[in-house]
C-alpha atoms as a PDB file:
ATOM      1  CA  UNK A   1      88.164 105.334 108.437  1.00  0.00           C
ATOM      2  CA  UNK A   2      89.377 103.420 105.375  1.00  0.00           C
ATOM      3  CA  UNK A   3      87.180 100.677 104.035  1.00  0.00           C
ATOM      4  CA  UNK A   4      88.832  97.262 103.740  1.00  0.00           C
ATOM      5  CA  UNK A   5      90.433  96.478 100.391  1.00  0.00           C
ATOM      6  CA  UNK A   6      89.174  93.622  98.318  1.00  0.00           C
ATOM      7  CA  UNK A   7      91.898  91.127  97.602  1.00  0.00           C
ATOM      8  CA  UNK A   8      92.492  88.740  94.750  1.00  0.00           C
ATOM      9  CA  UNK A   9      93.225  85.074  95.203  1.00  0.00           C
ATOM     10  CA  UNK A  10      96.978  85.779  94.885  1.00  0.00           C
ATOM     11  CA  UNK A  11      98.174  85.933  98.466  1.00  0.00           C
ATOM     12  CA  UNK A  12      96.363  89.063  99.587  1.00  0.00           C
ATOM     13  CA  UNK A  13      97.197  91.189  96.562  1.00  0.00           C
ATOM     14  CA  UNK A  14      94.802  94.142  96.312  1.00  0.00           C
ATOM     15  CA  UNK A  15      92.221  93.424  93.618  1.00  0.00           C
ATOM     16  CA  UNK A  16      92.102  97.095  92.725  1.00  0.00           C
ATOM     17  CA  UNK A  17      95.282  99.102  93.263  1.00  0.00           C
ATOM     18  CA  UNK A  18      95.133 102.253  95.375  1.00  0.00           C
ATOM     19  CA  UNK A  19      94.241 105.234  93.255  1.00  0.00           C
ATOM     20  CA  UNK A  20      96.615 108.115  93.734  1.00  0.00           C
ATOM     21  CA  UNK A  21      99.774 106.998  95.474  1.00  0.00           C
ATOM     22  CA  UNK A  22      99.914 103.366  94.376  1.00  0.00           C
ATOM     23  CA  UNK A  23     102.558 101.510  96.337  1.00  0.00           C
ATOM     24  CA  UNK A  24     103.140 104.328  98.754  1.00  0.00           C
ATOM     25  CA  UNK A  25      99.370 104.214  99.260  1.00  0.00           C
ATOM     26  CA  UNK A  26      99.251 100.541 100.208  1.00  0.00           C
ATOM     27  CA  UNK A  27      98.290 100.146 103.838  1.00  0.00           C
ATOM     28  CA  UNK A  28     101.317  98.901 105.775  1.00  0.00           C
ATOM     29  CA  UNK A  29      99.645  95.684 106.924  1.00  0.00           C
ATOM     30  CA  UNK A  30      98.596  94.834 103.335  1.00  0.00           C
ATOM     31  CA  UNK A  31     102.045  95.705 102.002  1.00  0.00           C
ATOM     32  CA  UNK A  32     103.665  93.453 104.626  1.00  0.00           C
ATOM     33  CA  UNK A  33     101.611  90.466 103.450  1.00  0.00           C
ATOM     34  CA  UNK A  34     102.578  90.852  99.808  1.00  0.00           C
ATOM     35  CA  UNK A  35     106.045  89.501  99.186  1.00  0.00           C
ATOM     36  CA  UNK A  36     108.277  90.945  96.489  1.00  0.00           C
ATOM     37  CA  UNK A  37     108.355  87.495  94.881  1.00  0.00           C
ATOM     38  CA  UNK A  38     105.728  84.811  95.378  1.00  0.00           C
ATOM     39  CA  UNK A  39     107.617  81.469  95.367  1.00  0.00           C
ATOM     40  CA  UNK A  40     104.432  79.511  94.634  1.00  0.00           C
ATOM     41  CA  UNK A  41     104.176  81.232  91.269  1.00  0.00           C
ATOM     42  CA  UNK A  42     107.757  80.313  90.416  1.00  0.00           C
ATOM     43  CA  UNK A  43     106.994  76.710  91.382  1.00  0.00           C
ATOM     44  CA  UNK A  44     104.008  76.783  88.990  1.00  0.00           C
ATOM     45  CA  UNK A  45     106.262  78.190  86.256  1.00  0.00           C
ATOM     46  CA  UNK A  46     108.731  75.345  86.822  1.00  0.00           C
ATOM     47  CA  UNK A  47     105.891  72.831  86.453  1.00  0.00           C
ATOM     48  CA  UNK A  48     104.556  74.504  83.308  1.00  0.00           C
ATOM     49  CA  UNK A  49     108.035  74.556  81.757  1.00  0.00           C
ATOM     50  CA  UNK A  50     108.749  70.927  82.742  1.00  0.00           C
ATOM     51  CA  UNK A  51     111.559  71.724  85.150  1.00  0.00           C
ATOM     52  CA  UNK A  52     113.460  74.402  86.980  1.00  0.00           C
ATOM     53  CA  UNK A  53     116.144  75.054  84.326  1.00  0.00           C
ATOM     54  CA  UNK A  54     113.882  76.917  81.906  1.00  0.00           C
ATOM     55  CA  UNK A  55     112.127  78.755  84.738  1.00  0.00           C
ATOM     56  CA  UNK A  56     115.473  79.932  86.158  1.00  0.00           C
ATOM     57  CA  UNK A  57     116.555  80.995  82.676  1.00  0.00           C
ATOM     58  CA  UNK A  58     113.360  83.011  82.273  1.00  0.00           C
ATOM     59  CA  UNK A  59     113.889  84.603  85.703  1.00  0.00           C
ATOM     60  CA  UNK A  60     117.537  85.371  84.841  1.00  0.00           C
ATOM     61  CA  UNK A  61     116.478  87.026  81.577  1.00  0.00           C
ATOM     62  CA  UNK A  62     113.755  88.990  83.381  1.00  0.00           C
ATOM     63  CA  UNK A  63     116.309  90.337  85.870  1.00  0.00           C
ATOM     64  CA  UNK A  64     118.896  91.079  83.179  1.00  0.00           C
ATOM     65  CA  UNK A  65     116.364  92.979  81.071  1.00  0.00           C
ATOM     66  CA  UNK A  66     114.911  95.096  83.907  1.00  0.00           C
ATOM     67  CA  UNK A  67     116.893  98.265  83.120  1.00  0.00           C
ATOM     68  CA  UNK A  68     116.187  98.026  79.400  1.00  0.00           C
ATOM     69  CA  UNK A  69     112.485  97.273  79.964  1.00  0.00           C
ATOM     70  CA  UNK A  70     112.067 100.154  82.420  1.00  0.00           C
ATOM     71  CA  UNK A  71     113.978 102.600  80.166  1.00  0.00           C
ATOM     72  CA  UNK A  72     111.712 101.742  77.255  1.00  0.00           C
ATOM     73  CA  UNK A  73     108.625 102.239  79.418  1.00  0.00           C
ATOM     74  CA  UNK A  74     109.897 105.547  80.807  1.00  0.00           C
ATOM     75  CA  UNK A  75     110.742 106.912  77.355  1.00  0.00           C
ATOM     76  CA  UNK A  76     107.316 105.979  76.003  1.00  0.00           C
ATOM     77  CA  UNK A  77     105.432 107.505  78.945  1.00  0.00           C
ATOM     78  CA  UNK A  78     107.500 110.701  78.855  1.00  0.00           C
ATOM     79  CA  UNK A  79     106.965 111.003  75.100  1.00  0.00           C
ATOM     80  CA  UNK A  80     103.237 110.308  75.648  1.00  0.00           C
ATOM     81  CA  UNK A  81     103.491 107.574  73.020  1.00  0.00           C
ATOM     82  CA  UNK A  82     100.377 105.627  73.978  1.00  0.00           C
ATOM     83  CA  UNK A  83     100.887 102.530  71.735  1.00  0.00           C
ATOM     84  CA  UNK A  84     104.548 102.125  72.744  1.00  0.00           C
ATOM     85  CA  UNK A  85     103.779 102.788  76.419  1.00  0.00           C
ATOM     86  CA  UNK A  86     100.983 100.216  76.383  1.00  0.00           C
ATOM     87  CA  UNK A  87     103.217  97.633  74.740  1.00  0.00           C
ATOM     88  CA  UNK A  88     105.963  98.248  77.306  1.00  0.00           C
ATOM     89  CA  UNK A  89     103.710  98.268  80.372  1.00  0.00           C
ATOM     90  CA  UNK A  90     101.753  95.174  79.319  1.00  0.00           C
ATOM     91  CA  UNK A  91     105.031  93.331  78.803  1.00  0.00           C
ATOM     92  CA  UNK A  92     106.179  94.438  82.254  1.00  0.00           C
ATOM     93  CA  UNK A  93     102.883  93.458  83.890  1.00  0.00           C
ATOM     94  CA  UNK A  94     102.753  89.985  82.354  1.00  0.00           C
ATOM     95  CA  UNK A  95     106.407  89.049  82.814  1.00  0.00           C
ATOM     96  CA  UNK A  96     106.402  90.358  86.391  1.00  0.00           C
ATOM     97  CA  UNK A  97     103.405  88.172  87.197  1.00  0.00           C
ATOM     98  CA  UNK A  98     105.099  85.174  85.556  1.00  0.00           C
ATOM     99  CA  UNK A  99     108.140  85.451  87.856  1.00  0.00           C
ATOM    100  CA  UNK A 100     105.965  85.972  90.928  1.00  0.00           C
ATOM    101  CA  UNK A 101     106.394  89.756  91.144  1.00  0.00           C
ATOM    102  CA  UNK A 102     102.776  90.408  92.057  1.00  0.00           C
ATOM    103  CA  UNK A 103     103.392  93.797  93.714  1.00  0.00           C
ATOM    104  CA  UNK A 104     105.079  95.046  90.564  1.00  0.00           C
ATOM    105  CA  UNK A 105     102.415  93.500  88.356  1.00  0.00           C
ATOM    106  CA  UNK A 106      99.677  95.322  90.315  1.00  0.00           C
ATOM    107  CA  UNK A 107     101.543  98.611  89.928  1.00  0.00           C
ATOM    108  CA  UNK A 108     102.041  97.961  86.226  1.00  0.00           C
ATOM    109  CA  UNK A 109      98.273  97.451  85.943  1.00  0.00           C
ATOM    110  CA  UNK A 110      97.694 100.837  87.593  1.00  0.00           C
ATOM    111  CA  UNK A 111     100.139 102.412  85.140  1.00  0.00           C
ATOM    112  CA  UNK A 112      98.467 100.615  82.230  1.00  0.00           C
ATOM    113  CA  UNK A 113      95.100 102.023  83.351  1.00  0.00           C
ATOM    114  CA  UNK A 114      96.560 105.552  83.417  1.00  0.00           C
ATOM    115  CA  UNK A 115      98.059 105.097  79.953  1.00  0.00           C
ATOM    116  CA  UNK A 116      94.762 103.780  78.564  1.00  0.00           C
ATOM    117  CA  UNK A 117      93.103 106.976  79.873  1.00  0.00           C
ATOM    118  CA  UNK A 118      95.959 108.972  78.294  1.00  0.00           C
ATOM    119  CA  UNK A 119      96.690 110.315  81.780  1.00  0.00           C
ATOM    120  CA  UNK A 120     100.421 110.707  81.260  1.00  0.00           C
ATOM    121  CA  UNK A 121     100.807 113.098  84.202  1.00  0.00           C
ATOM    122  CA  UNK A 122      99.638 110.349  86.549  1.00  0.00           C
ATOM    123  CA  UNK A 123     101.638 107.822  84.514  1.00  0.00           C
ATOM    124  CA  UNK A 124     104.839 109.788  85.023  1.00  0.00           C
ATOM    125  CA  UNK A 125     104.144 109.982  88.762  1.00  0.00           C
ATOM    126  CA  UNK A 126     103.685 106.206  88.872  1.00  0.00           C
ATOM    127  CA  UNK A 127     107.032 105.604  87.160  1.00  0.00           C
ATOM    128  CA  UNK A 128     108.929 106.450  90.354  1.00  0.00           C
ATOM    129  CA  UNK A 129     107.037 103.842  92.357  1.00  0.00           C
ATOM    130  CA  UNK A 130     107.304 101.285  89.545  1.00  0.00           C
ATOM    131  CA  UNK A 131     111.066 101.877  89.453  1.00  0.00           C
ATOM    132  CA  UNK A 132     111.456 101.358  93.206  1.00  0.00           C
ATOM    133  CA  UNK A 133     109.322  98.234  93.193  1.00  0.00           C
ATOM    134  CA  UNK A 134     111.076  96.918  90.092  1.00  0.00           C
ATOM    135  CA  UNK A 135     114.523  97.221  91.655  1.00  0.00           C
ATOM    136  CA  UNK A 136     113.290  95.503  94.833  1.00  0.00           C
ATOM    137  CA  UNK A 137     111.577  92.758  92.820  1.00  0.00           C
ATOM    138  CA  UNK A 138     114.687  92.052  90.754  1.00  0.00           C
ATOM    139  CA  UNK A 139     116.901  92.057  93.859  1.00  0.00           C
ATOM    140  CA  UNK A 140     114.629  89.605  95.654  1.00  0.00           C
ATOM    141  CA  UNK A 141     114.299  87.413  92.565  1.00  0.00           C
ATOM    142  CA  UNK A 142     118.068  87.214  92.263  1.00  0.00           C
ATOM    143  CA  UNK A 143     118.662  86.560  95.957  1.00  0.00           C
ATOM    144  CA  UNK A 144     115.838  84.118  96.657  1.00  0.00           C
ATOM    145  CA  UNK A 145     115.548  82.261  93.380  1.00  0.00           C
ATOM    146  CA  UNK A 146     118.247  82.768  90.773  1.00  0.00           C
ATOM    147  CA  UNK A 147     121.384  82.774  92.947  1.00  0.00           C
ATOM    148  CA  UNK A 148     119.905  80.382  95.491  1.00  0.00           C
ATOM    149  CA  UNK A 149     119.280  77.762  92.812  1.00  0.00           C
ATOM    150  CA  UNK A 150     122.391  78.221  90.645  1.00  0.00           C
END
């Protein structure tokens, strides 16, 4: 029987991502509680940026840059370029968290951990899950925040 996962204070997000399958390894009931985009985080971003206009602009830029950001990350991981891969994955992790993409941020942390260990085989396996979650995160961000508020 699986032991219960510790969670962070961010809406039930696993404090330590599942080891091997990340994403696909999230228990269904945990995965169901973690939204693609956490609206509370976007509300905090609006407050920090003194209004929704700058926050929406940041979210729009995040969505527009997804393909470029993921391509850069993929190229660095496949080339086993540790400094470039770390730069790309840290950028992805932080910006995803800023727009409320906690699922994606957790996966990016798992990928960052693999890169720091120079485990590029595991890193390449994680890229597929990161890609799927990234596309879903961007789609939800556009539908529930960017387009809804434009």
